[in-house]
Amino acid sequence: MRLVCQLMDLMLDAEHSTNYDMNDCWDDNEVERIRRLIRKYEEGQKLCTQYLQEDSTSEQFCSDMINYNLRSFLCEIVRYLPPEIILRYNLVYED
């Protein structure tokens, strides 16, 4: 659940930046990069919610998180994952 909140916070920070900061100093490429981040964090939040609602397995969850380039977030919850998944995806606990 903490991971859901963290991804939501990152998504909101990125949305805030595009709404309030983009007119000041960002070019179109930077705005598009931030919009991609918003979509990425939003997708990560959905994946976490699906997992918490038991709509996906640990294997599916980890695979999807990696496919959306959210591997670093898995390292935060690695201690809660089955050992075979940790080995398969070569996850390392980061403190």
Protein backbone atom coordinates (compact mmCIF):
# COMPACT_ATOMS: atom_id res chain seq x y z
CA MET A 1 0.00 0.00 0.00
CA ARG A 2 2.93 2.32 0.71
CA LEU A 3 4.15 1.76 -2.81
CA VAL A 4 0.75 2.81 -4.17
CA CYS A 5 0.95 6.01 -2.15
CA GLN A 6 4.53 6.68 -3.24
CA LEU A 7 3.64 6.26 -6.91
CA MET A 8 0.59 8.46 -6.48
CA ASP A 9 2.72 11.16 -4.87
CA LEU A 10 5.23 11.03 -7.73
CA MET A 11 2.41 11.20 -10.26
CA LEU A 12 0.89 14.22 -8.53
CA ASP A 13 4.27 15.96 -8.32
CA ALA A 14 4.77 15.46 -12.05
CA GLU A 15 1.25 16.70 -12.82
CA HIS A 16 1.86 19.75 -10.64
CA SER A 17 5.06 20.47 -12.54
CA THR A 18 3.34 20.33 -15.91
CA ASN A 19 0.48 22.51 -14.73
CA TYR A 20 2.46 25.19 -12.93
CA ASP A 21 6.10 25.07 -14.01
CA MET A 22 5.99 24.24 -17.71
CA ASN A 23 5.19 27.75 -18.87
CA ASP A 24 8.16 29.18 -17.03
CA CYS A 25 11.20 27.37 -18.34
CA TRP A 26 10.48 24.06 -20.06
CA ASP A 27 10.54 23.24 -23.72
CA ASP A 28 8.10 20.83 -25.36
CA ASN A 29 10.46 17.87 -24.96
CA GLU A 30 10.67 18.34 -21.20
CA VAL A 31 6.91 18.67 -20.88
CA GLU A 32 6.44 15.46 -22.88
CA ARG A 33 9.02 13.66 -20.71
CA ILE A 34 7.12 14.63 -17.59
CA ARG A 35 3.81 13.53 -19.12
CA ARG A 36 5.39 10.13 -19.83
CA LEU A 37 6.44 9.95 -16.19
CA ILE A 38 2.87 10.70 -15.13
CA ARG A 39 1.58 7.82 -17.27
CA LYS A 40 4.31 5.50 -15.97
CA TYR A 41 3.56 6.24 -12.32
CA GLU A 42 -0.16 5.97 -12.93
CA GLU A 43 0.32 2.54 -14.50
CA GLY A 44 2.51 1.48 -11.57
CA GLN A 45 -0.21 2.55 -9.16
CA LYS A 46 -2.77 0.49 -11.09
CA LEU A 47 -0.49 -2.55 -11.06
CA CYS A 48 -0.01 -2.25 -7.29
CA THR A 49 -3.75 -1.91 -6.73
CA GLN A 50 -4.45 -4.97 -8.89
CA TYR A 51 -1.91 -6.96 -6.92
CA LEU A 52 -3.37 -5.84 -3.59
CA GLN A 53 -6.84 -6.84 -4.77
CA GLU A 54 -5.38 -10.23 -5.74
CA ASP A 55 -6.15 -9.67 -9.43
CA SER A 56 -2.56 -10.59 -10.33
CA THR A 57 0.10 -12.93 -9.00
CA SER A 58 3.48 -11.93 -7.60
CA GLU A 59 5.02 -13.14 -10.85
CA GLN A 60 2.69 -11.06 -13.02
CA PHE A 61 3.12 -8.03 -10.80
CA CYS A 62 6.92 -8.12 -10.93
CA SER A 63 6.97 -8.78 -14.66
CA ASP A 64 4.60 -5.89 -15.35
CA MET A 65 6.50 -3.50 -13.07
CA ILE A 66 9.72 -4.31 -14.93
CA ASN A 67 8.03 -3.94 -18.31
CA TYR A 68 6.90 -0.43 -17.30
CA ASN A 69 10.44 0.41 -16.19
CA LEU A 70 9.51 0.48 -12.51
CA ARG A 71 12.10 -2.06 -11.32
CA SER A 72 13.52 0.32 -8.71
CA PHE A 73 10.21 0.25 -6.86
CA LEU A 74 10.38 -3.54 -6.59
CA CYS A 75 13.63 -3.20 -4.66
CA GLU A 76 11.67 -1.42 -1.94
CA ILE A 77 9.36 -4.40 -1.43
CA VAL A 78 11.81 -7.21 -2.21
CA ARG A 79 11.68 -8.58 1.35
CA TYR A 80 7.98 -9.38 0.83
CA LEU A 81 8.45 -11.26 -2.44
CA PRO A 82 8.98 -15.02 -2.80
CA PRO A 83 12.66 -16.04 -3.12
CA GLU A 84 12.19 -17.57 -6.57
CA ILE A 85 10.92 -14.24 -7.93
CA ILE A 86 13.81 -12.36 -6.32
CA LEU A 87 16.25 -14.70 -8.05
CA ARG A 88 14.42 -14.74 -11.39
CA TYR A 89 14.41 -10.95 -11.68
CA ASN A 90 17.70 -10.43 -9.88
CA LEU A 91 16.18 -8.05 -7.36
CA VAL A 92 18.27 -6.54 -4.58
CA TYR A 93 17.02 -4.94 -1.40
CA GLU A 94 17.83 -1.24 -1.29
CA ASP A 95 17.59 0.50 2.04
